[in-house]
Amino acid sequence: MRATRLPARGAPRRAAPVYWTLFFVHVFHVKPTLADELWWAFQTQYPQKVQSIIYHLEHIGAPATSLAVLDMRLQHFAALIPPTAVLGACGVVSPEGPGRRTDVIQFEDAMLRHVDQTGGWRL
């Protein structure tokens, strides 16, 4: 498998969707820049999921008729980005080994507290 690299500083890339950034900033307390880097890494690893995720994220903020509808939207979002995929994105942002970024290690630790024994999200 070929290693995926982050683009050079200043290289053009698609901005992370607003609700992607909000999810990572508010649930895991990361900086928006890390959320953006995770988005870039995720979309390079899973390009086939990008349009579906963008579409779904645009609708999460639409008025919901009930809490059940909102919960359903959040559960669908969680299914689109499984923890294993997010961990894979972390490995692209900062590969394991000496010199690994502290913010990525801290995020992974926080994220794993939201993963159940089956490997799914516990939100």
PDB file of N, CA and C in Angstrom:
ATOM      1  N   MET A   1       0.847  -1.176   0.000  1.00  0.00           N
ATOM      2  CA  MET A   1       0.000   0.000   0.000  1.00  0.00           C
ATOM      3  C   MET A   1       0.890   1.236   0.000  1.00  0.00           C
ATOM      4  N   ARG A   2       0.582   2.180  -0.842  1.00  0.00           N
ATOM      5  CA  ARG A   2       1.358   3.401  -0.954  1.00  0.00           C
ATOM      6  C   ARG A   2       0.992   4.368   0.167  1.00  0.00           C
ATOM      7  N   ALA A   3       1.982   5.003   0.729  1.00  0.00           N
ATOM      8  CA  ALA A   3       1.736   5.973   1.809  1.00  0.00           C
ATOM      9  C   ALA A   3       1.108   7.226   1.230  1.00  0.00           C
ATOM     10  N   THR A   4       0.146   7.778   1.941  1.00  0.00           N
ATOM     11  CA  THR A   4      -0.494   9.021   1.548  1.00  0.00           C
ATOM     12  C   THR A   4       0.184  10.149   2.290  1.00  0.00           C
ATOM     13  N   ARG A   5       0.461  11.225   1.601  1.00  0.00           N
ATOM     14  CA  ARG A   5       1.125  12.351   2.237  1.00  0.00           C
ATOM     15  C   ARG A   5       0.190  13.558   2.272  1.00  0.00           C
ATOM     16  N   LEU A   6       0.365  14.361   3.309  1.00  0.00           N
ATOM     17  CA  LEU A   6      -0.362  15.622   3.374  1.00  0.00           C
ATOM     18  C   LEU A   6       0.197  16.548   2.307  1.00  0.00           C
ATOM     19  N   PRO A   7      -0.611  17.450   1.770  1.00  0.00           N
ATOM     20  CA  PRO A   7      -0.094  18.365   0.756  1.00  0.00           C
ATOM     21  C   PRO A   7       0.901  19.340   1.374  1.00  0.00           C
ATOM     22  N   ALA A   8       1.760  19.874   0.539  1.00  0.00           N
ATOM     23  CA  ALA A   8       2.719  20.878   1.003  1.00  0.00           C
ATOM     24  C   ALA A   8       1.964  22.086   1.524  1.00  0.00           C
ATOM     25  N   ARG A   9       2.582  22.790   2.456  1.00  0.00           N
ATOM     26  CA  ARG A   9       1.940  23.999   2.986  1.00  0.00           C
ATOM     27  C   ARG A   9       1.608  24.930   1.833  1.00  0.00           C
ATOM     28  N   GLY A  10       0.415  25.467   1.854  1.00  0.00           N
ATOM     29  CA  GLY A  10      -0.014  26.390   0.813  1.00  0.00           C
ATOM     30  C   GLY A  10      -0.640  25.709  -0.392  1.00  0.00           C
ATOM     31  N   ALA A  11      -0.579  24.370  -0.454  1.00  0.00           N
ATOM     32  CA  ALA A  11      -1.189  23.666  -1.577  1.00  0.00           C
ATOM     33  C   ALA A  11      -2.704  23.759  -1.452  1.00  0.00           C
ATOM     34  N   PRO A  12      -3.410  23.908  -2.572  1.00  0.00           N
ATOM     35  CA  PRO A  12      -4.872  24.022  -2.486  1.00  0.00           C
ATOM     36  C   PRO A  12      -5.492  22.704  -2.032  1.00  0.00           C
ATOM     37  N   ARG A  13      -6.509  22.814  -1.182  1.00  0.00           N
ATOM     38  CA  ARG A  13      -7.265  21.645  -0.759  1.00  0.00           C
ATOM     39  C   ARG A  13      -8.644  22.108  -0.329  1.00  0.00           C
ATOM     40  N   ARG A  14      -9.589  21.203  -0.406  1.00  0.00           N
ATOM     41  CA  ARG A  14     -10.973  21.514  -0.056  1.00  0.00           C
ATOM     42  C   ARG A  14     -11.084  21.688   1.456  1.00  0.00           C
ATOM     43  N   ALA A  15     -11.738  22.749   1.874  1.00  0.00           N
ATOM     44  CA  ALA A  15     -11.932  23.008   3.307  1.00  0.00           C
ATOM     45  C   ALA A  15     -12.841  21.936   3.900  1.00  0.00           C
ATOM     46  N   ALA A  16     -12.615  21.644   5.150  1.00  0.00           N
ATOM     47  CA  ALA A  16     -13.457  20.668   5.847  1.00  0.00           C
ATOM     48  C   ALA A  16     -14.874  21.217   5.969  1.00  0.00           C
ATOM     49  N   PRO A  17     -15.877  20.347   5.831  1.00  0.00           N
ATOM     50  CA  PRO A  17     -17.258  20.794   6.048  1.00  0.00           C
ATOM     51  C   PRO A  17     -17.423  21.321   7.479  1.00  0.00           C
ATOM     52  N   VAL A  18     -18.282  22.286   7.648  1.00  0.00           N
ATOM     53  CA  VAL A  18     -18.473  22.938   8.946  1.00  0.00           C
ATOM     54  C   VAL A  18     -18.809  21.928  10.040  1.00  0.00           C
ATOM     55  N   TYR A  19     -19.747  21.016   9.782  1.00  0.00           N
ATOM     56  CA  TYR A  19     -20.143  20.083  10.831  1.00  0.00           C
ATOM     57  C   TYR A  19     -19.076  19.032  11.112  1.00  0.00           C
ATOM     58  N   TRP A  20     -18.216  18.747  10.152  1.00  0.00           N
ATOM     59  CA  TRP A  20     -17.059  17.873  10.416  1.00  0.00           C
ATOM     60  C   TRP A  20     -16.188  18.546  11.472  1.00  0.00           C
ATOM     61  N   THR A  21     -15.861  19.812  11.224  1.00  0.00           N
ATOM     62  CA  THR A  21     -15.011  20.553  12.153  1.00  0.00           C
ATOM     63  C   THR A  21     -15.683  20.681  13.513  1.00  0.00           C
ATOM     64  N   LEU A  22     -16.957  21.022  13.538  1.00  0.00           N
ATOM     65  CA  LEU A  22     -17.673  21.146  14.810  1.00  0.00           C
ATOM     66  C   LEU A  22     -17.665  19.836  15.595  1.00  0.00           C
ATOM     67  N   PHE A  23     -17.865  18.726  14.901  1.00  0.00           N
ATOM     68  CA  PHE A  23     -17.872  17.420  15.556  1.00  0.00           C
ATOM     69  C   PHE A  23     -16.547  17.170  16.268  1.00  0.00           C
ATOM     70  N   PHE A  24     -15.448  17.360  15.563  1.00  0.00           N
ATOM     71  CA  PHE A  24     -14.149  17.074  16.162  1.00  0.00           C
ATOM     72  C   PHE A  24     -13.746  18.103  17.216  1.00  0.00           C
ATOM     73  N   VAL A  25     -14.090  19.346  17.000  1.00  0.00           N
ATOM     74  CA  VAL A  25     -13.736  20.394  17.967  1.00  0.00           C
ATOM     75  C   VAL A  25     -14.547  20.242  19.251  1.00  0.00           C
ATOM     76  N   HIS A  26     -15.853  20.013  19.140  1.00  0.00           N
ATOM     77  CA  HIS A  26     -16.703  19.983  20.331  1.00  0.00           C
ATOM     78  C   HIS A  26     -16.722  18.633  21.039  1.00  0.00           C
ATOM     79  N   VAL A  27     -16.620  17.549  20.309  1.00  0.00           N
ATOM     80  CA  VAL A  27     -16.650  16.237  20.961  1.00  0.00           C
ATOM     81  C   VAL A  27     -15.272  15.858  21.494  1.00  0.00           C
ATOM     82  N   PHE A  28     -14.223  16.141  20.709  1.00  0.00           N
ATOM     83  CA  PHE A  28     -12.882  15.690  21.080  1.00  0.00           C
ATOM     84  C   PHE A  28     -11.945  16.821  21.479  1.00  0.00           C
ATOM     85  N   HIS A  29     -12.423  18.047  21.406  1.00  0.00           N
ATOM     86  CA  HIS A  29     -11.659  19.219  21.847  1.00  0.00           C
ATOM     87  C   HIS A  29     -10.335  19.398  21.101  1.00  0.00           C
ATOM     88  N   VAL A  30     -10.363  19.150  19.789  1.00  0.00           N
ATOM     89  CA  VAL A  30      -9.162  19.400  18.981  1.00  0.00           C
ATOM     90  C   VAL A  30      -9.240  20.808  18.408  1.00  0.00           C
ATOM     91  N   LYS A  31      -8.119  21.292  17.937  1.00  0.00           N
ATOM     92  CA  LYS A  31      -8.104  22.590  17.270  1.00  0.00           C
ATOM     93  C   LYS A  31      -8.690  22.432  15.873  1.00  0.00           C
ATOM     94  N   PRO A  32      -9.336  23.477  15.355  1.00  0.00           N
ATOM     95  CA  PRO A  32      -9.895  23.392  14.004  1.00  0.00           C
ATOM     96  C   PRO A  32      -8.865  22.995  12.947  1.00  0.00           C
ATOM     97  N   THR A  33      -7.623  23.379  13.129  1.00  0.00           N
ATOM     98  CA  THR A  33      -6.603  23.005  12.139  1.00  0.00           C
ATOM     99  C   THR A  33      -6.397  21.496  12.096  1.00  0.00           C
ATOM    100  N   LEU A  34      -6.455  20.822  13.242  1.00  0.00           N
ATOM    101  CA  LEU A  34      -6.335  19.368  13.242  1.00  0.00           C
ATOM    102  C   LEU A  34      -7.562  18.738  12.589  1.00  0.00           C
ATOM    103  N   ALA A  35      -8.733  19.272  12.867  1.00  0.00           N
ATOM    104  CA  ALA A  35      -9.949  18.766  12.221  1.00  0.00           C
ATOM    105  C   ALA A  35      -9.830  18.890  10.704  1.00  0.00           C
ATOM    106  N   ASP A  36      -9.292  20.008  10.224  1.00  0.00           N
ATOM    107  CA  ASP A  36      -9.091  20.200   8.781  1.00  0.00           C
ATOM    108  C   ASP A  36      -8.098  19.182   8.220  1.00  0.00           C
ATOM    109  N   GLU A  37      -7.022  18.940   8.954  1.00  0.00           N
ATOM    110  CA  GLU A  37      -6.023  17.964   8.504  1.00  0.00           C
ATOM    111  C   GLU A  37      -6.619  16.556   8.460  1.00  0.00           C
ATOM    112  N   LEU A  38      -7.447  16.229   9.444  1.00  0.00           N
ATOM    113  CA  LEU A  38      -8.100  14.928   9.448  1.00  0.00           C
ATOM    114  C   LEU A  38      -9.051  14.794   8.261  1.00  0.00           C
ATOM    115  N   TRP A  39      -9.742  15.877   7.927  1.00  0.00           N
ATOM    116  CA  TRP A  39     -10.623  15.860   6.762  1.00  0.00           C
ATOM    117  C   TRP A  39      -9.820  15.590   5.494  1.00  0.00           C
ATOM    118  N   TRP A  40      -8.717  16.293   5.340  1.00  0.00           N
ATOM    119  CA  TRP A  40      -7.906  16.089   4.143  1.00  0.00           C
ATOM    120  C   TRP A  40      -7.435  14.639   4.061  1.00  0.00           C
ATOM    121  N   ALA A  41      -6.922  14.125   5.180  1.00  0.00           N
ATOM    122  CA  ALA A  41      -6.425  12.749   5.195  1.00  0.00           C
ATOM    123  C   ALA A  41      -7.559  11.764   4.928  1.00  0.00           C
ATOM    124  N   PHE A  42      -8.722  11.998   5.535  1.00  0.00           N
ATOM    125  CA  PHE A  42      -9.868  11.117   5.331  1.00  0.00           C
ATOM    126  C   PHE A  42     -10.284  11.097   3.871  1.00  0.00           C
ATOM    127  N   GLN A  43     -10.371  12.275   3.253  1.00  0.00           N
ATOM    128  CA  GLN A  43     -10.839  12.304   1.872  1.00  0.00           C
ATOM    129  C   GLN A  43      -9.817  11.743   0.891  1.00  0.00           C
ATOM    130  N   THR A  44      -8.535  11.746   1.255  1.00  0.00           N
ATOM    131  CA  THR A  44      -7.553  11.114   0.377  1.00  0.00           C
ATOM    132  C   THR A  44      -7.608   9.602   0.508  1.00  0.00           C
ATOM    133  N   GLN A  45      -7.985   9.091   1.687  1.00  0.00           N
ATOM    134  CA  GLN A  45      -8.081   7.652   1.892  1.00  0.00           C
ATOM    135  C   GLN A  45      -9.420   7.079   1.432  1.00  0.00           C
ATOM    136  N   TYR A  46     -10.470   7.861   1.521  1.00  0.00           N
ATOM    137  CA  TYR A  46     -11.822   7.387   1.192  1.00  0.00           C
ATOM    138  C   TYR A  46     -12.514   8.338   0.215  1.00  0.00           C
ATOM    139  N   PRO A  47     -11.937   8.565  -0.960  1.00  0.00           N
ATOM    140  CA  PRO A  47     -12.539   9.535  -1.883  1.00  0.00           C
ATOM    141  C   PRO A  47     -13.956   9.161  -2.306  1.00  0.00           C
ATOM    142  N   GLN A  48     -14.277   7.859  -2.287  1.00  0.00           N
ATOM    143  CA  GLN A  48     -15.610   7.418  -2.681  1.00  0.00           C
ATOM    144  C   GLN A  48     -16.679   7.826  -1.664  1.00  0.00           C
ATOM    145  N   LYS A  49     -16.292   8.181  -0.449  1.00  0.00           N
ATOM    146  CA  LYS A  49     -17.261   8.555   0.591  1.00  0.00           C
ATOM    147  C   LYS A  49     -17.447  10.072   0.716  1.00  0.00           C
ATOM    148  N   VAL A  50     -16.580  10.841   0.104  1.00  0.00           N
ATOM    149  CA  VAL A  50     -16.557  12.286   0.331  1.00  0.00           C
ATOM    150  C   VAL A  50     -17.879  12.955  -0.019  1.00  0.00           C
ATOM    151  N   GLN A  51     -18.407  12.705  -1.204  1.00  0.00           N
ATOM    152  CA  GLN A  51     -19.645  13.384  -1.600  1.00  0.00           C
ATOM    153  C   GLN A  51     -20.817  13.011  -0.694  1.00  0.00           C
ATOM    154  N   SER A  52     -20.902  11.745  -0.315  1.00  0.00           N
ATOM    155  CA  SER A  52     -21.970  11.313   0.576  1.00  0.00           C
ATOM    156  C   SER A  52     -21.858  11.992   1.940  1.00  0.00           C
ATOM    157  N   ILE A  53     -20.644  12.089   2.448  1.00  0.00           N
ATOM    158  CA  ILE A  53     -20.437  12.731   3.750  1.00  0.00           C
ATOM    159  C   ILE A  53     -20.756  14.215   3.675  1.00  0.00           C
ATOM    160  N   ILE A  54     -20.290  14.885   2.627  1.00  0.00           N
ATOM    161  CA  ILE A  54     -20.593  16.314   2.472  1.00  0.00           C
ATOM    162  C   ILE A  54     -22.109  16.522   2.414  1.00  0.00           C
ATOM    163  N   TYR A  55     -22.795  15.704   1.615  1.00  0.00           N
ATOM    164  CA  TYR A  55     -24.252  15.821   1.504  1.00  0.00           C
ATOM    165  C   TYR A  55     -24.904  15.630   2.874  1.00  0.00           C
ATOM    166  N   HIS A  56     -24.480  14.593   3.585  1.00  0.00           N
ATOM    167  CA  HIS A  56     -25.090  14.314   4.882  1.00  0.00           C
ATOM    168  C   HIS A  56     -24.792  15.425   5.891  1.00  0.00           C
ATOM    169  N   LEU A  57     -23.564  15.916   5.890  1.00  0.00           N
ATOM    170  CA  LEU A  57     -23.205  16.972   6.835  1.00  0.00           C
ATOM    171  C   LEU A  57     -23.980  18.257   6.579  1.00  0.00           C
ATOM    172  N   GLU A  58     -24.287  18.524   5.326  1.00  0.00           N
ATOM    173  CA  GLU A  58     -25.083  19.716   5.013  1.00  0.00           C
ATOM    174  C   GLU A  58     -26.496  19.604   5.566  1.00  0.00           C
ATOM    175  N   HIS A  59     -26.980  18.377   5.769  1.00  0.00           N
ATOM    176  CA  HIS A  59     -28.346  18.181   6.247  1.00  0.00           C
ATOM    177  C   HIS A  59     -28.451  17.966   7.752  1.00  0.00           C
ATOM    178  N   ILE A  60     -27.327  17.752   8.412  1.00  0.00           N
ATOM    179  CA  ILE A  60     -27.380  17.576   9.875  1.00  0.00           C
ATOM    180  C   ILE A  60     -27.956  18.819  10.538  1.00  0.00           C
ATOM    181  N   GLY A  61     -27.584  19.981  10.043  1.00  0.00           N
ATOM    182  CA  GLY A  61     -28.029  21.230  10.651  1.00  0.00           C
ATOM    183  C   GLY A  61     -29.423  21.675  10.257  1.00  0.00           C
ATOM    184  N   ALA A  62     -30.062  20.955   9.336  1.00  0.00           N
ATOM    185  CA  ALA A  62     -31.426  21.323   8.940  1.00  0.00           C
ATOM    186  C   ALA A  62     -32.370  21.114  10.129  1.00  0.00           C
ATOM    187  N   PRO A  63     -33.400  21.924  10.224  1.00  0.00           N
ATOM    188  CA  PRO A  63     -34.338  21.755  11.340  1.00  0.00           C
ATOM    189  C   PRO A  63     -34.875  20.326  11.399  1.00  0.00           C
ATOM    190  N   ALA A  64     -34.852  19.757  12.593  1.00  0.00           N
ATOM    191  CA  ALA A  64     -35.358  18.395  12.800  1.00  0.00           C
ATOM    192  C   ALA A  64     -36.735  18.473  13.437  1.00  0.00           C
ATOM    193  N   THR A  65     -37.596  17.555  13.039  1.00  0.00           N
ATOM    194  CA  THR A  65     -38.953  17.545  13.582  1.00  0.00           C
ATOM    195  C   THR A  65     -39.001  16.967  14.991  1.00  0.00           C
ATOM    196  N   SER A  66     -37.937  16.243  15.362  1.00  0.00           N
ATOM    197  CA  SER A  66     -37.887  15.660  16.707  1.00  0.00           C
ATOM    198  C   SER A  66     -36.444  15.317  17.045  1.00  0.00           C
ATOM    199  N   LEU A  67     -36.216  15.013  18.320  1.00  0.00           N
ATOM    200  CA  LEU A  67     -34.891  14.554  18.744  1.00  0.00           C
ATOM    201  C   LEU A  67     -34.539  13.224  18.097  1.00  0.00           C
ATOM    202  N   ALA A  68     -35.544  12.410  17.829  1.00  0.00           N
ATOM    203  CA  ALA A  68     -35.306  11.115  17.186  1.00  0.00           C
ATOM    204  C   ALA A  68     -34.722  11.311  15.787  1.00  0.00           C
ATOM    205  N   VAL A  69     -35.214  12.306  15.071  1.00  0.00           N
ATOM    206  CA  VAL A  69     -34.699  12.597  13.729  1.00  0.00           C
ATOM    207  C   VAL A  69     -33.259  13.072  13.818  1.00  0.00           C
ATOM    208  N   LEU A  70     -32.986  13.949  14.758  1.00  0.00           N
ATOM    209  CA  LEU A  70     -31.616  14.433  14.940  1.00  0.00           C
ATOM    210  C   LEU A  70     -30.696  13.290  15.326  1.00  0.00           C
ATOM    211  N   ASP A  71     -31.146  12.422  16.234  1.00  0.00           N
ATOM    212  CA  ASP A  71     -30.343  11.274  16.633  1.00  0.00           C
ATOM    213  C   ASP A  71     -30.068  10.364  15.436  1.00  0.00           C
ATOM    214  N   MET A  72     -31.062  10.151  14.607  1.00  0.00           N
ATOM    215  CA  MET A  72     -30.898   9.322  13.415  1.00  0.00           C
ATOM    216  C   MET A  72     -29.838   9.921  12.485  1.00  0.00           C
ATOM    217  N   ARG A  73     -29.846  11.230  12.314  1.00  0.00           N
ATOM    218  CA  ARG A  73     -28.851  11.900  11.468  1.00  0.00           C
ATOM    219  C   ARG A  73     -27.449  11.714  12.035  1.00  0.00           C
ATOM    220  N   LEU A  74     -27.312  11.878  13.345  1.00  0.00           N
ATOM    221  CA  LEU A  74     -26.000  11.723  13.974  1.00  0.00           C
ATOM    222  C   LEU A  74     -25.509  10.278  13.892  1.00  0.00           C
ATOM    223  N   GLN A  75     -26.400   9.318  14.057  1.00  0.00           N
ATOM    224  CA  GLN A  75     -26.008   7.910  13.950  1.00  0.00           C
ATOM    225  C   GLN A  75     -25.566   7.574  12.523  1.00  0.00           C
ATOM    226  N   HIS A  76     -26.249   8.149  11.546  1.00  0.00           N
ATOM    227  CA  HIS A  76     -25.856   7.928  10.143  1.00  0.00           C
ATOM    228  C   HIS A  76     -24.489   8.539   9.884  1.00  0.00           C
ATOM    229  N   PHE A  77     -24.254   9.733  10.405  1.00  0.00           N
ATOM    230  CA  PHE A  77     -22.950  10.380  10.265  1.00  0.00           C
ATOM    231  C   PHE A  77     -21.866   9.499  10.875  1.00  0.00           C
ATOM    232  N   ALA A  78     -22.117   8.984  12.073  1.00  0.00           N
ATOM    233  CA  ALA A  78     -21.145   8.129  12.747  1.00  0.00           C
ATOM    234  C   ALA A  78     -20.864   6.868  11.929  1.00  0.00           C
ATOM    235  N   ALA A  79     -21.885   6.332  11.259  1.00  0.00           N
ATOM    236  CA  ALA A  79     -21.688   5.140  10.428  1.00  0.00           C
ATOM    237  C   ALA A  79     -20.849   5.451   9.189  1.00  0.00           C
ATOM    238  N   LEU A  80     -20.939   6.672   8.694  1.00  0.00           N
ATOM    239  CA  LEU A  80     -20.165   7.061   7.506  1.00  0.00           C
ATOM    240  C   LEU A  80     -18.684   7.209   7.805  1.00  0.00           C
ATOM    241  N   ILE A  81     -18.357   7.550   9.044  1.00  0.00           N
ATOM    242  CA  ILE A  81     -16.945   7.722   9.407  1.00  0.00           C
ATOM    243  C   ILE A  81     -16.626   6.847  10.617  1.00  0.00           C
ATOM    244  N   PRO A  82     -16.403   5.559  10.397  1.00  0.00           N
ATOM    245  CA  PRO A  82     -16.110   4.665  11.522  1.00  0.00           C
ATOM    246  C   PRO A  82     -14.789   5.029  12.193  1.00  0.00           C
ATOM    247  N   PRO A  83     -14.652   4.689  13.466  1.00  0.00           N
ATOM    248  CA  PRO A  83     -13.414   5.003  14.187  1.00  0.00           C
ATOM    249  C   PRO A  83     -12.149   4.499  13.492  1.00  0.00           C
ATOM    250  N   THR A  84     -12.226   3.334  12.871  1.00  0.00           N
ATOM    251  CA  THR A  84     -11.040   2.811  12.193  1.00  0.00           C
ATOM    252  C   THR A  84     -10.591   3.737  11.068  1.00  0.00           C
ATOM    253  N   ALA A  85     -11.547   4.360  10.382  1.00  0.00           N
ATOM    254  CA  ALA A  85     -11.207   5.289   9.306  1.00  0.00           C
ATOM    255  C   ALA A  85     -10.564   6.553   9.864  1.00  0.00           C
ATOM    256  N   VAL A  86     -11.066   7.013  11.009  1.00  0.00           N
ATOM    257  CA  VAL A  86     -10.489   8.209  11.633  1.00  0.00           C
ATOM    258  C   VAL A  86      -9.075   7.910  12.126  1.00  0.00           C
ATOM    259  N   LEU A  87      -8.875   6.731  12.703  1.00  0.00           N
ATOM    260  CA  LEU A  87      -7.528   6.353  13.133  1.00  0.00           C
ATOM    261  C   LEU A  87      -6.575   6.265  11.945  1.00  0.00           C
ATOM    262  N   GLY A  88      -7.083   5.774  10.823  1.00  0.00           N
ATOM    263  CA  GLY A  88      -6.271   5.737   9.614  1.00  0.00           C
ATOM    264  C   GLY A  88      -5.879   7.129   9.153  1.00  0.00           C
ATOM    265  N   ALA A  89      -6.807   8.063   9.272  1.00  0.00           N
ATOM    266  CA  ALA A  89      -6.513   9.457   8.918  1.00  0.00           C
ATOM    267  C   ALA A  89      -5.462  10.036   9.859  1.00  0.00           C
ATOM    268  N   CYS A  90      -5.528   9.651  11.124  1.00  0.00           N
ATOM    269  CA  CYS A  90      -4.509  10.108  12.084  1.00  0.00           C
ATOM    270  C   CYS A  90      -3.124   9.644  11.656  1.00  0.00           C
ATOM    271  N   GLY A  91      -3.051   8.426  11.154  1.00  0.00           N
ATOM    272  CA  GLY A  91      -1.776   7.887  10.702  1.00  0.00           C
ATOM    273  C   GLY A  91      -1.218   8.615   9.499  1.00  0.00           C
ATOM    274  N   VAL A  92      -2.100   9.203   8.700  1.00  0.00           N
ATOM    275  CA  VAL A  92      -1.653  10.005   7.562  1.00  0.00           C
ATOM    276  C   VAL A  92      -1.179  11.372   8.046  1.00  0.00           C
ATOM    277  N   VAL A  93      -1.935  11.959   8.949  1.00  0.00           N
ATOM    278  CA  VAL A  93      -1.579  13.285   9.476  1.00  0.00           C
ATOM    279  C   VAL A  93      -0.248  13.227  10.217  1.00  0.00           C
ATOM    280  N   SER A  94      -0.071  12.202  11.026  1.00  0.00           N
ATOM    281  CA  SER A  94       1.164  12.054  11.802  1.00  0.00           C
ATOM    282  C   SER A  94       1.465  10.568  11.948  1.00  0.00           C
ATOM    283  N   PRO A  95       2.318  10.022  11.080  1.00  0.00           N
ATOM    284  CA  PRO A  95       2.622   8.586  11.131  1.00  0.00           C
ATOM    285  C   PRO A  95       3.195   8.173  12.489  1.00  0.00           C
ATOM    286  N   GLU A  96       2.900   6.934  12.860  1.00  0.00           N
ATOM    287  CA  GLU A  96       3.401   6.417  14.134  1.00  0.00           C
ATOM    288  C   GLU A  96       4.920   6.347  14.109  1.00  0.00           C
ATOM    289  N   GLY A  97       5.492   6.514  15.291  1.00  0.00           N
ATOM    290  CA  GLY A  97       6.938   6.438  15.420  1.00  0.00           C
ATOM    291  C   GLY A  97       7.479   7.636  16.170  1.00  0.00           C
ATOM    292  N   PRO A  98       8.802   7.702  16.263  1.00  0.00           N
ATOM    293  CA  PRO A  98       9.420   8.829  16.969  1.00  0.00           C
ATOM    294  C   PRO A  98       9.031  10.158  16.314  1.00  0.00           C
ATOM    295  N   GLY A  99       8.807  11.143  17.137  1.00  0.00           N
ATOM    296  CA  GLY A  99       8.453  12.468  16.622  1.00  0.00           C
ATOM    297  C   GLY A  99       6.988  12.636  16.272  1.00  0.00           C
ATOM    298  N   ARG A 100       6.167  11.674  16.665  1.00  0.00           N
ATOM    299  CA  ARG A 100       4.730  11.767  16.379  1.00  0.00           C
ATOM    300  C   ARG A 100       4.135  12.965  17.094  1.00  0.00           C
ATOM    301  N   ARG A 101       3.219  13.655  16.444  1.00  0.00           N
ATOM    302  CA  ARG A 101       2.621  14.864  17.002  1.00  0.00           C
ATOM    303  C   ARG A 101       1.811  14.562  18.259  1.00  0.00           C
ATOM    304  N   THR A 102       2.030  15.375  19.275  1.00  0.00           N
ATOM    305  CA  THR A 102       1.345  15.219  20.552  1.00  0.00           C
ATOM    306  C   THR A 102      -0.158  15.434  20.408  1.00  0.00           C
ATOM    307  N   ASP A 103      -0.576  16.419  19.589  1.00  0.00           N
ATOM    308  CA  ASP A 103      -2.006  16.686  19.455  1.00  0.00           C
ATOM    309  C   ASP A 103      -2.738  15.501  18.824  1.00  0.00           C
ATOM    310  N   VAL A 104      -2.084  14.792  17.929  1.00  0.00           N
ATOM    311  CA  VAL A 104      -2.706  13.621  17.304  1.00  0.00           C
ATOM    312  C   VAL A 104      -2.807  12.484  18.319  1.00  0.00           C
ATOM    313  N   ILE A 105      -1.767  12.279  19.109  1.00  0.00           N
ATOM    314  CA  ILE A 105      -1.794  11.239  20.151  1.00  0.00           C
ATOM    315  C   ILE A 105      -2.904  11.533  21.162  1.00  0.00           C
ATOM    316  N   GLN A 106      -3.025  12.781  21.581  1.00  0.00           N
ATOM    317  CA  GLN A 106      -4.067  13.160  22.540  1.00  0.00           C
ATOM    318  C   GLN A 106      -5.459  12.983  21.940  1.00  0.00           C
ATOM    319  N   PHE A 107      -5.606  13.323  20.658  1.00  0.00           N
ATOM    320  CA  PHE A 107      -6.897  13.133  19.994  1.00  0.00           C
ATOM    321  C   PHE A 107      -7.259  11.652  19.938  1.00  0.00           C
ATOM    322  N   GLU A 108      -6.301  10.806  19.554  1.00  0.00           N
ATOM    323  CA  GLU A 108      -6.583   9.370  19.481  1.00  0.00           C
ATOM    324  C   GLU A 108      -7.016   8.833  20.848  1.00  0.00           C
ATOM    325  N   ASP A 109      -6.361   9.282  21.892  1.00  0.00           N
ATOM    326  CA  ASP A 109      -6.727   8.854  23.242  1.00  0.00           C
ATOM    327  C   ASP A 109      -8.158   9.279  23.569  1.00  0.00           C
ATOM    328  N   ALA A 110      -8.492  10.525  23.277  1.00  0.00           N
ATOM    329  CA  ALA A 110      -9.848  11.024  23.530  1.00  0.00           C
ATOM    330  C   ALA A 110     -10.866  10.278  22.673  1.00  0.00           C
ATOM    331  N   MET A 111     -10.518  10.026  21.428  1.00  0.00           N
ATOM    332  CA  MET A 111     -11.426   9.346  20.522  1.00  0.00           C
ATOM    333  C   MET A 111     -11.707   7.924  20.986  1.00  0.00           C
ATOM    334  N   LEU A 112     -10.667   7.220  21.428  1.00  0.00           N
ATOM    335  CA  LEU A 112     -10.851   5.835  21.844  1.00  0.00           C
ATOM    336  C   LEU A 112     -11.760   5.703  23.061  1.00  0.00           C
ATOM    337  N   ARG A 113     -11.916   6.770  23.831  1.00  0.00           N
ATOM    338  CA  ARG A 113     -12.874   6.752  24.946  1.00  0.00           C
ATOM    339  C   ARG A 113     -14.316   6.790  24.449  1.00  0.00           C
ATOM    340  N   HIS A 114     -14.492   7.100  23.165  1.00  0.00           N
ATOM    341  CA  HIS A 114     -15.825   7.139  22.559  1.00  0.00           C
ATOM    342  C   HIS A 114     -16.061   5.964  21.623  1.00  0.00           C
ATOM    343  N   VAL A 115     -15.269   4.921  21.762  1.00  0.00           N
ATOM    344  CA  VAL A 115     -15.410   3.728  20.930  1.00  0.00           C
ATOM    345  C   VAL A 115     -15.833   2.569  21.824  1.00  0.00           C
ATOM    346  N   ASP A 116     -16.848   1.819  21.379  1.00  0.00           N
ATOM    347  CA  ASP A 116     -17.314   0.691  22.180  1.00  0.00           C
ATOM    348  C   ASP A 116     -16.506  -0.565  21.882  1.00  0.00           C
ATOM    349  N   GLN A 117     -16.845  -1.664  22.566  1.00  0.00           N
ATOM    350  CA  GLN A 117     -16.086  -2.899  22.424  1.00  0.00           C
ATOM    351  C   GLN A 117     -16.201  -3.525  21.044  1.00  0.00           C
ATOM    352  N   THR A 118     -17.178  -3.117  20.249  1.00  0.00           N
ATOM    353  CA  THR A 118     -17.314  -3.657  18.894  1.00  0.00           C
ATOM    354  C   THR A 118     -16.545  -2.815  17.873  1.00  0.00           C
ATOM    355  N   GLY A 119     -15.956  -1.697  18.321  1.00  0.00           N
ATOM    356  CA  GLY A 119     -15.229  -0.826  17.406  1.00  0.00           C
ATOM    357  C   GLY A 119     -16.077   0.289  16.819  1.00  0.00           C
ATOM    358  N   GLY A 120     -17.324   0.397  17.274  1.00  0.00           N
ATOM    359  CA  GLY A 120     -18.218   1.457  16.803  1.00  0.00           C
ATOM    360  C   GLY A 120     -18.181   2.650  17.752  1.00  0.00           C
ATOM    361  N   TRP A 121     -18.821   3.719  17.318  1.00  0.00           N
ATOM    362  CA  TRP A 121     -18.857   4.936  18.149  1.00  0.00           C
ATOM    363  C   TRP A 121     -19.785   4.733  19.340  1.00  0.00           C
ATOM    364  N   ARG A 122     -19.420   5.323  20.440  1.00  0.00           N
ATOM    365  CA  ARG A 122     -20.266   5.422  21.628  1.00  0.00           C
ATOM    366  C   ARG A 122     -20.374   6.920  21.900  1.00  0.00           C
ATOM    367  N   LEU A 123     -21.378   7.534  21.311  1.00  0.00           N
ATOM    368  CA  LEU A 123     -21.516   8.998  21.420  1.00  0.00           C
ATOM    369  C   LEU A 123     -22.636   9.398  22.351  1.00  0.00           C
TER     370      LEU A 123
END
